Amino acid sequence: MKRCPTCGLTLDDSQTFCTNDGTPLVADKSSYDPGATLVSPPPGAVPTTQPPQFPPQGQQTAWQVPVQPTAPPMYGALADLNQPTGVRPSKFVPGLIGGVVAGILSLLADFLPPSPYIIFSFFCILWAIIGGAVAARLYINRSSTPVRQGEGAVVGLIAGAIAAAIYLVLDTTIAYSIHGNYIEMVARMQHQNMTAGAFFMVTGVAGAFTIFGMSVVGGIIGVAMFEKRKGYHTSVPPPPPYGGPMPGGYR
């Protein structure tokens, strides 16, 4: 920097004469003071400038895009099809109990007199339906989620297999030992070439297949009667239509 010795005006080094009065300029060695513009605060003073504040790690700010879940939640019937919650209980124990109930009820007719026995032996269809419904009710009580018709059919199938085995092994044997003579007498009177043993074997196999099928029907009926829960419902509302605003967004 250069300074005019007459008026004291400070000019750039490229100037030779003062632009104010034309006096030749001289070098100003005392005009540059690096610390002249620095102001030291008095002792004990609190600085007025605060350091920049940054949001904590993970905190949402106004300019950031809201984080979306990686997988959409399940809604209504879709959640019911995928079974998102809960473990399905075993179907064997309810089926076993229902099969034993149907099998024991089928044995009751064997201890009746011959004429009522012939009539009540056809009630094995009703006992099979009751056994399947009992199995479905027990399975519904054990399940923490709603039971569907297909599961009721599976439980009824297990009950039917057990009831059919009881009917074929025990009912045929007990009925033959009690009513064998009566059946042979009726067969001789009607000139039928069938012994009592053959008659009970044929009717036993037919009754076992009937009990097996009717127990499946009873399981389906049991679900329709006793299952009052209607699918899965979550507290999360369904998503808006495509292009609509997302609820709870940032503004």
C-alpha atoms as a PDB file:
ATOM      1  CA  MET A   1       0.000   0.000   0.000  1.00  0.00           C
ATOM      2  CA  LYS A   2       1.068   3.649  -0.633  1.00  0.00           C
ATOM      3  CA  ARG A   3       0.140   6.750   1.339  1.00  0.00           C
ATOM      4  CA  CYS A   4      -0.099  10.388   0.350  1.00  0.00           C
ATOM      5  CA  PRO A   5       2.204  12.459   2.654  1.00  0.00           C
ATOM      6  CA  THR A   6      -0.019  15.544   2.176  1.00  0.00           C
ATOM      7  CA  CYS A   7      -3.583  14.371   2.723  1.00  0.00           C
ATOM      8  CA  GLY A   8      -2.907  10.922   4.172  1.00  0.00           C
ATOM      9  CA  LEU A   9      -4.991   9.030   1.531  1.00  0.00           C
ATOM     10  CA  THR A  10      -4.033   5.356   1.162  1.00  0.00           C
ATOM     11  CA  LEU A  11      -3.923   3.941  -2.354  1.00  0.00           C
ATOM     12  CA  ASP A  12      -2.876   0.719  -4.110  1.00  0.00           C
ATOM     13  CA  ASP A  13       0.731  -0.009  -4.933  1.00  0.00           C
ATOM     14  CA  SER A  14      -0.053   0.471  -8.628  1.00  0.00           C
ATOM     15  CA  GLN A  15      -0.678   4.218  -8.074  1.00  0.00           C
ATOM     16  CA  THR A  16       2.212   6.698  -8.267  1.00  0.00           C
ATOM     17  CA  PHE A  17       0.505  10.040  -7.509  1.00  0.00           C
ATOM     18  CA  CYS A  18      -2.296  10.910  -5.153  1.00  0.00           C
ATOM     19  CA  THR A  19      -5.619  11.097  -6.937  1.00  0.00           C
ATOM     20  CA  ASN A  20      -6.707  13.840  -4.524  1.00  0.00           C
ATOM     21  CA  ASP A  21      -3.932  16.449  -4.734  1.00  0.00           C
ATOM     22  CA  GLY A  22      -1.317  14.948  -7.137  1.00  0.00           C
ATOM     23  CA  THR A  23       1.394  14.505  -4.466  1.00  0.00           C
ATOM     24  CA  PRO A  24       3.856  11.649  -5.158  1.00  0.00           C
ATOM     25  CA  LEU A  25       2.964   8.645  -2.998  1.00  0.00           C
ATOM     26  CA  VAL A  26       5.317   6.989  -0.528  1.00  0.00           C
ATOM     27  CA  ALA A  27       5.283   3.400   0.780  1.00  0.00           C
ATOM     28  CA  ASP A  28       3.132   2.982   3.924  1.00  0.00           C
ATOM     29  CA  LYS A  29       4.861   0.353   6.077  1.00  0.00           C
ATOM     30  CA  SER A  30       2.562   0.770   9.066  1.00  0.00           C
ATOM     31  CA  SER A  31      -0.733   0.498   7.179  1.00  0.00           C
ATOM     32  CA  TYR A  32      -0.948  -3.366   7.308  1.00  0.00           C
ATOM     33  CA  ASP A  33      -1.662  -4.858  10.700  1.00  0.00           C
ATOM     34  CA  PRO A  34      -2.812  -8.473  10.600  1.00  0.00           C
ATOM     35  CA  GLY A  35      -4.278  -8.276  14.067  1.00  0.00           C
ATOM     36  CA  ALA A  36      -5.922  -4.895  13.670  1.00  0.00           C
ATOM     37  CA  THR A  37      -9.353  -6.355  12.748  1.00  0.00           C
ATOM     38  CA  LEU A  38      -9.387  -9.000  15.483  1.00  0.00           C
ATOM     39  CA  VAL A  39     -11.325  -8.091  18.577  1.00  0.00           C
ATOM     40  CA  SER A  40     -10.498 -10.061  21.728  1.00  0.00           C
ATOM     41  CA  PRO A  41     -13.477 -10.636  24.046  1.00  0.00           C
ATOM     42  CA  PRO A  42     -13.113  -9.483  27.613  1.00  0.00           C
ATOM     43  CA  PRO A  43     -12.239 -12.090  30.209  1.00  0.00           C
ATOM     44  CA  GLY A  44     -15.288 -14.150  31.376  1.00  0.00           C
ATOM     45  CA  ALA A  45     -17.493 -13.167  28.447  1.00  0.00           C
ATOM     46  CA  VAL A  46     -19.807 -15.887  26.966  1.00  0.00           C
ATOM     47  CA  PRO A  47     -19.473 -16.223  23.179  1.00  0.00           C
ATOM     48  CA  THR A  48     -22.648 -15.315  21.356  1.00  0.00           C
ATOM     49  CA  THR A  49     -22.081 -17.687  18.446  1.00  0.00           C
ATOM     50  CA  GLN A  50     -23.405 -21.201  19.156  1.00  0.00           C
ATOM     51  CA  PRO A  51     -21.960 -24.298  17.465  1.00  0.00           C
ATOM     52  CA  PRO A  52     -24.161 -25.848  14.786  1.00  0.00           C
ATOM     53  CA  GLN A  53     -26.739 -28.299  16.089  1.00  0.00           C
ATOM     54  CA  PHE A  54     -27.151 -31.645  14.378  1.00  0.00           C
ATOM     55  CA  PRO A  55     -30.099 -34.025  14.889  1.00  0.00           C
ATOM     56  CA  PRO A  56     -29.388 -37.255  16.757  1.00  0.00           C
ATOM     57  CA  GLN A  57     -28.570 -40.312  14.762  1.00  0.00           C
ATOM     58  CA  GLY A  58     -31.731 -41.851  13.307  1.00  0.00           C
ATOM     59  CA  GLN A  59     -33.994 -38.861  14.005  1.00  0.00           C
ATOM     60  CA  GLN A  60     -36.387 -37.949  11.204  1.00  0.00           C
ATOM     61  CA  THR A  61     -36.023 -34.454   9.744  1.00  0.00           C
ATOM     62  CA  ALA A  62     -38.394 -32.490   7.544  1.00  0.00           C
ATOM     63  CA  TRP A  63     -36.457 -33.067   4.324  1.00  0.00           C
ATOM     64  CA  GLN A  64     -35.907 -36.807   4.701  1.00  0.00           C
ATOM     65  CA  VAL A  65     -38.181 -39.386   3.035  1.00  0.00           C
ATOM     66  CA  PRO A  66     -40.158 -41.436   5.599  1.00  0.00           C
ATOM     67  CA  VAL A  67     -38.786 -44.915   6.047  1.00  0.00           C
ATOM     68  CA  GLN A  68     -41.135 -47.502   4.560  1.00  0.00           C
ATOM     69  CA  PRO A  69     -41.442 -51.064   5.934  1.00  0.00           C
ATOM     70  CA  THR A  70     -39.656 -53.753   3.962  1.00  0.00           C
ATOM     71  CA  ALA A  71     -42.752 -55.990   3.871  1.00  0.00           C
ATOM     72  CA  PRO A  72     -46.359 -54.804   3.774  1.00  0.00           C
ATOM     73  CA  PRO A  73     -48.614 -55.831   6.689  1.00  0.00           C
ATOM     74  CA  MET A  74     -51.300 -58.436   6.163  1.00  0.00           C
ATOM     75  CA  TYR A  75     -54.903 -57.351   5.927  1.00  0.00           C
ATOM     76  CA  GLY A  76     -58.180 -59.209   6.405  1.00  0.00           C
ATOM     77  CA  ALA A  77     -58.630 -62.343   4.332  1.00  0.00           C
ATOM     78  CA  LEU A  78     -55.070 -62.159   2.971  1.00  0.00           C
ATOM     79  CA  ALA A  79     -53.724 -62.570   6.489  1.00  0.00           C
ATOM     80  CA  ASP A  80     -56.058 -65.492   7.028  1.00  0.00           C
ATOM     81  CA  LEU A  81     -54.749 -67.311   3.944  1.00  0.00           C
ATOM     82  CA  ASN A  82     -51.109 -66.919   4.902  1.00  0.00           C
ATOM     83  CA  GLN A  83     -51.605 -67.658   8.637  1.00  0.00           C
ATOM     84  CA  PRO A  84     -49.078 -65.037   9.869  1.00  0.00           C
ATOM     85  CA  THR A  85     -49.505 -65.737  13.541  1.00  0.00           C
ATOM     86  CA  GLY A  86     -49.742 -68.739  15.768  1.00  0.00           C
ATOM     87  CA  VAL A  87     -48.806 -72.421  15.332  1.00  0.00           C
ATOM     88  CA  ARG A  88     -51.526 -74.850  14.310  1.00  0.00           C
ATOM     89  CA  PRO A  89     -52.186 -77.407  17.066  1.00  0.00           C
ATOM     90  CA  SER A  90     -52.068 -81.137  16.508  1.00  0.00           C
ATOM     91  CA  LYS A  91     -55.168 -82.650  14.921  1.00  0.00           C
ATOM     92  CA  PHE A  92     -54.508 -86.179  16.126  1.00  0.00           C
ATOM     93  CA  VAL A  93     -55.674 -85.811  19.739  1.00  0.00           C
ATOM     94  CA  PRO A  94     -59.047 -84.189  18.852  1.00  0.00           C
ATOM     95  CA  GLY A  95     -59.498 -86.785  16.095  1.00  0.00           C
ATOM     96  CA  LEU A  96     -58.670 -89.604  18.498  1.00  0.00           C
ATOM     97  CA  ILE A  97     -61.222 -88.429  21.059  1.00  0.00           C
ATOM     98  CA  GLY A  98     -63.906 -87.908  18.412  1.00  0.00           C
ATOM     99  CA  GLY A  99     -63.241 -91.362  16.944  1.00  0.00           C
ATOM    100  CA  VAL A 100     -63.504 -93.043  20.337  1.00  0.00           C
ATOM    101  CA  VAL A 101     -66.802 -91.234  20.983  1.00  0.00           C
ATOM    102  CA  ALA A 102     -68.255 -92.394  17.632  1.00  0.00           C
ATOM    103  CA  GLY A 103     -66.968 -95.948  18.133  1.00  0.00           C
ATOM    104  CA  ILE A 104     -68.389 -96.296  21.647  1.00  0.00           C
ATOM    105  CA  LEU A 105     -71.780 -94.939  20.564  1.00  0.00           C
ATOM    106  CA  SER A 106     -71.845 -97.482  17.756  1.00  0.00           C
ATOM    107  CA  LEU A 107     -71.311-100.309  20.252  1.00  0.00           C
ATOM    108  CA  LEU A 108     -74.406 -99.431  22.298  1.00  0.00           C
ATOM    109  CA  ALA A 109     -76.808-101.037  19.815  1.00  0.00           C
ATOM    110  CA  ASP A 110     -75.098-104.440  20.244  1.00  0.00           C
ATOM    111  CA  PHE A 111     -76.472-104.824  23.766  1.00  0.00           C
ATOM    112  CA  LEU A 112     -80.097-104.277  22.737  1.00  0.00           C
ATOM    113  CA  PRO A 113     -82.549-107.118  22.001  1.00  0.00           C
ATOM    114  CA  PRO A 114     -82.424-108.503  18.435  1.00  0.00           C
ATOM    115  CA  SER A 115     -85.285-106.480  16.934  1.00  0.00           C
ATOM    116  CA  PRO A 116     -84.133-103.073  18.318  1.00  0.00           C
ATOM    117  CA  TYR A 117     -80.566-104.019  17.383  1.00  0.00           C
ATOM    118  CA  ILE A 118     -81.492-104.322  13.707  1.00  0.00           C
ATOM    119  CA  ILE A 119     -83.077-100.869  13.820  1.00  0.00           C
ATOM    120  CA  PHE A 120     -80.487 -99.007  15.890  1.00  0.00           C
ATOM    121  CA  SER A 121     -77.536-100.477  13.995  1.00  0.00           C
ATOM    122  CA  PHE A 122     -78.354 -97.989  11.228  1.00  0.00           C
ATOM    123  CA  PHE A 123     -77.729 -95.123  13.666  1.00  0.00           C
ATOM    124  CA  CYS A 124     -73.977 -95.573  13.101  1.00  0.00           C
ATOM    125  CA  ILE A 125     -74.324 -92.740  10.568  1.00  0.00           C
ATOM    126  CA  LEU A 126     -75.534 -90.376  13.297  1.00  0.00           C
ATOM    127  CA  TRP A 127     -72.805 -91.492  15.730  1.00  0.00           C
ATOM    128  CA  ALA A 128     -70.148 -90.865  13.067  1.00  0.00           C
ATOM    129  CA  ILE A 129     -71.406 -87.308  12.467  1.00  0.00           C
ATOM    130  CA  ILE A 130     -71.418 -86.648  16.210  1.00  0.00           C
ATOM    131  CA  GLY A 131     -67.868 -87.995  16.573  1.00  0.00           C
ATOM    132  CA  GLY A 132     -66.598 -85.787  13.731  1.00  0.00           C
ATOM    133  CA  ALA A 133     -68.314 -82.726  15.213  1.00  0.00           C
ATOM    134  CA  VAL A 134     -66.833 -83.458  18.650  1.00  0.00           C
ATOM    135  CA  ALA A 135     -63.354 -83.696  17.111  1.00  0.00           C
ATOM    136  CA  ALA A 136     -63.866 -80.372  15.306  1.00  0.00           C
ATOM    137  CA  ARG A 137     -65.054 -78.684  18.509  1.00  0.00           C
ATOM    138  CA  LEU A 138     -62.020 -79.899  20.454  1.00  0.00           C
ATOM    139  CA  TYR A 139     -59.692 -78.715  17.701  1.00  0.00           C
ATOM    140  CA  ILE A 140     -61.354 -75.287  17.648  1.00  0.00           C
ATOM    141  CA  ASN A 141     -60.855 -74.984  21.407  1.00  0.00           C
ATOM    142  CA  ARG A 142     -57.154 -75.812  21.044  1.00  0.00           C
ATOM    143  CA  SER A 143     -56.517 -73.454  18.109  1.00  0.00           C
ATOM    144  CA  SER A 144     -55.577 -69.809  18.766  1.00  0.00           C
ATOM    145  CA  THR A 145     -56.606 -68.837  15.219  1.00  0.00           C
ATOM    146  CA  PRO A 146     -59.836 -69.436  13.285  1.00  0.00           C
ATOM    147  CA  VAL A 147     -60.321 -72.950  11.929  1.00  0.00           C
ATOM    148  CA  ARG A 148     -61.352 -73.425   8.299  1.00  0.00           C
ATOM    149  CA  GLN A 149     -63.639 -76.037   6.777  1.00  0.00           C
ATOM    150  CA  GLY A 150     -60.733 -77.971   5.301  1.00  0.00           C
ATOM    151  CA  GLU A 151     -59.145 -78.411   8.723  1.00  0.00           C
ATOM    152  CA  GLY A 152     -62.456 -79.647  10.085  1.00  0.00           C
ATOM    153  CA  ALA A 153     -62.570 -82.246   7.300  1.00  0.00           C
ATOM    154  CA  VAL A 154     -59.053 -83.447   8.193  1.00  0.00           C
ATOM    155  CA  VAL A 155     -59.934 -83.755  11.887  1.00  0.00           C
ATOM    156  CA  GLY A 156     -63.127 -85.615  10.937  1.00  0.00           C
ATOM    157  CA  LEU A 157     -61.101 -87.923   8.685  1.00  0.00           C
ATOM    158  CA  ILE A 158     -58.850 -88.878  11.606  1.00  0.00           C
ATOM    159  CA  ALA A 159     -61.880 -89.434  13.827  1.00  0.00           C
ATOM    160  CA  GLY A 160     -63.536 -91.517  11.081  1.00  0.00           C
ATOM    161  CA  ALA A 161     -60.506 -93.764  10.663  1.00  0.00           C
ATOM    162  CA  ILE A 162     -60.374 -94.485  14.394  1.00  0.00           C
ATOM    163  CA  ALA A 163     -64.140 -94.957  14.695  1.00  0.00           C
ATOM    164  CA  ALA A 164     -64.198 -97.274  11.663  1.00  0.00           C
ATOM    165  CA  ALA A 165     -61.424 -99.415  13.174  1.00  0.00           C
ATOM    166  CA  ILE A 166     -63.319 -99.667  16.486  1.00  0.00           C
ATOM    167  CA  TYR A 167     -66.541-100.533  14.668  1.00  0.00           C
ATOM    168  CA  LEU A 168     -64.920-103.153  12.429  1.00  0.00           C
ATOM    169  CA  VAL A 169     -62.967-104.886  15.219  1.00  0.00           C
ATOM    170  CA  LEU A 170     -65.141-104.544  18.321  1.00  0.00           C
ATOM    171  CA  ASP A 171     -68.679-103.963  17.059  1.00  0.00           C
ATOM    172  CA  THR A 172     -68.602-106.863  14.617  1.00  0.00           C
ATOM    173  CA  THR A 173     -67.160-109.213  17.219  1.00  0.00           C
ATOM    174  CA  ILE A 174     -69.563-108.228  20.004  1.00  0.00           C
ATOM    175  CA  ALA A 175     -72.608-108.224  17.712  1.00  0.00           C
ATOM    176  CA  TYR A 176     -71.719-111.672  16.349  1.00  0.00           C
ATOM    177  CA  SER A 177     -71.282-113.118  19.838  1.00  0.00           C
ATOM    178  CA  ILE A 178     -74.632-111.713  21.020  1.00  0.00           C
ATOM    179  CA  HIS A 179     -76.869-111.885  17.929  1.00  0.00           C
ATOM    180  CA  GLY A 180     -75.190-114.580  15.822  1.00  0.00           C
ATOM    181  CA  ASN A 181     -77.846-117.246  16.433  1.00  0.00           C
ATOM    182  CA  TYR A 182     -80.663-114.808  15.682  1.00  0.00           C
ATOM    183  CA  ILE A 183     -79.111-113.744  12.380  1.00  0.00           C
ATOM    184  CA  GLU A 184     -78.585-117.384  11.317  1.00  0.00           C
ATOM    185  CA  MET A 185     -82.218-118.186  12.155  1.00  0.00           C
ATOM    186  CA  VAL A 186     -83.445-115.216  10.068  1.00  0.00           C
ATOM    187  CA  ALA A 187     -81.179-116.286   7.195  1.00  0.00           C
ATOM    188  CA  ARG A 188     -82.504-119.880   7.232  1.00  0.00           C
ATOM    189  CA  MET A 189     -86.100-118.644   7.297  1.00  0.00           C
ATOM    190  CA  GLN A 190     -85.513-116.543   4.175  1.00  0.00           C
ATOM    191  CA  HIS A 191     -83.430-119.250   2.429  1.00  0.00           C
ATOM    192  CA  GLN A 192     -80.312-117.097   2.241  1.00  0.00           C
ATOM    193  CA  ASN A 193     -77.028-118.884   1.663  1.00  0.00           C
ATOM    194  CA  MET A 194     -75.102-116.695   4.127  1.00  0.00           C
ATOM    195  CA  THR A 195     -73.861-117.575   7.561  1.00  0.00           C
ATOM    196  CA  ALA A 196     -74.027-115.192  10.496  1.00  0.00           C
ATOM    197  CA  GLY A 197     -70.254-114.706  10.373  1.00  0.00           C
ATOM    198  CA  ALA A 198     -70.319-113.730   6.702  1.00  0.00           C
ATOM    199  CA  PHE A 199     -73.283-111.451   7.309  1.00  0.00           C
ATOM    200  CA  PHE A 200     -71.526-109.585  10.120  1.00  0.00           C
ATOM    201  CA  MET A 201     -68.303-109.340   8.118  1.00  0.00           C
ATOM    202  CA  VAL A 202     -70.055-107.792   5.109  1.00  0.00           C
ATOM    203  CA  THR A 203     -72.135-105.421   7.210  1.00  0.00           C
ATOM    204  CA  GLY A 204     -69.089-104.574   9.332  1.00  0.00           C
ATOM    205  CA  VAL A 205     -67.009-103.513   6.305  1.00  0.00           C
ATOM    206  CA  ALA A 206     -69.918-101.512   4.877  1.00  0.00           C
ATOM    207  CA  GLY A 207     -70.558 -99.865   8.251  1.00  0.00           C
ATOM    208  CA  ALA A 208     -66.847 -98.994   8.640  1.00  0.00           C
ATOM    209  CA  PHE A 209     -66.771 -97.195   5.279  1.00  0.00           C
ATOM    210  CA  THR A 210     -70.001 -95.388   6.165  1.00  0.00           C
ATOM    211  CA  ILE A 211     -68.635 -94.233   9.517  1.00  0.00           C
ATOM    212  CA  PHE A 212     -65.429 -93.076   7.879  1.00  0.00           C
ATOM    213  CA  GLY A 213     -67.244 -90.883   5.350  1.00  0.00           C
ATOM    214  CA  MET A 214     -69.838 -89.512   7.777  1.00  0.00           C
ATOM    215  CA  SER A 215     -67.140 -88.497  10.268  1.00  0.00           C
ATOM    216  CA  VAL A 216     -65.584 -86.244   7.636  1.00  0.00           C
ATOM    217  CA  VAL A 217     -68.997 -84.665   7.107  1.00  0.00           C
ATOM    218  CA  GLY A 218     -69.326 -84.273  10.876  1.00  0.00           C
ATOM    219  CA  GLY A 219     -65.985 -82.440  11.056  1.00  0.00           C
ATOM    220  CA  ILE A 220     -67.126 -79.936   8.428  1.00  0.00           C
ATOM    221  CA  ILE A 221     -70.461 -79.465  10.193  1.00  0.00           C
ATOM    222  CA  GLY A 222     -68.679 -78.999  13.518  1.00  0.00           C
ATOM    223  CA  VAL A 223     -66.568 -76.130  12.147  1.00  0.00           C
ATOM    224  CA  ALA A 224     -69.684 -74.482  10.705  1.00  0.00           C
ATOM    225  CA  MET A 225     -71.478 -74.797  14.058  1.00  0.00           C
ATOM    226  CA  PHE A 226     -68.772 -73.976  16.603  1.00  0.00           C
ATOM    227  CA  GLU A 227     -66.267 -71.674  14.849  1.00  0.00           C
ATOM    228  CA  LYS A 228     -67.472 -68.119  15.492  1.00  0.00           C
ATOM    229  CA  ARG A 229     -64.228 -66.296  14.757  1.00  0.00           C
ATOM    230  CA  LYS A 230     -64.130 -64.549  11.399  1.00  0.00           C
ATOM    231  CA  GLY A 231     -60.582 -64.419  10.063  1.00  0.00           C
ATOM    232  CA  TYR A 232     -57.678 -62.185  11.127  1.00  0.00           C
ATOM    233  CA  HIS A 233     -58.007 -58.480  11.866  1.00  0.00           C
ATOM    234  CA  THR A 234     -55.114 -56.205  12.655  1.00  0.00           C
ATOM    235  CA  SER A 235     -55.049 -52.672  14.008  1.00  0.00           C
ATOM    236  CA  VAL A 236     -53.110 -51.511  10.936  1.00  0.00           C
ATOM    237  CA  PRO A 237     -55.430 -49.846   8.396  1.00  0.00           C
ATOM    238  CA  PRO A 238     -55.303 -51.032   4.775  1.00  0.00           C
ATOM    239  CA  PRO A 239     -53.026 -49.101   2.408  1.00  0.00           C
ATOM    240  CA  PRO A 240     -54.497 -46.180   0.438  1.00  0.00           C
ATOM    241  CA  PRO A 241     -55.231 -46.531  -3.285  1.00  0.00           C
ATOM    242  CA  TYR A 242     -52.323 -46.174  -5.666  1.00  0.00           C
ATOM    243  CA  GLY A 243     -51.188 -42.581  -5.846  1.00  0.00           C
ATOM    244  CA  GLY A 244     -53.020 -41.535  -2.679  1.00  0.00           C
ATOM    245  CA  PRO A 245     -51.350 -39.811   0.283  1.00  0.00           C
ATOM    246  CA  MET A 246     -49.733 -41.978   2.890  1.00  0.00           C
ATOM    247  CA  PRO A 247     -51.181 -41.519   6.390  1.00  0.00           C
ATOM    248  CA  GLY A 248     -48.930 -39.895   8.967  1.00  0.00           C
ATOM    249  CA  GLY A 249     -46.397 -38.486   6.492  1.00  0.00           C
ATOM    250  CA  TYR A 250     -43.965 -35.644   7.028  1.00  0.00           C
ATOM    251  CA  ARG A 251     -44.764 -32.153   5.965  1.00  0.00           C
END
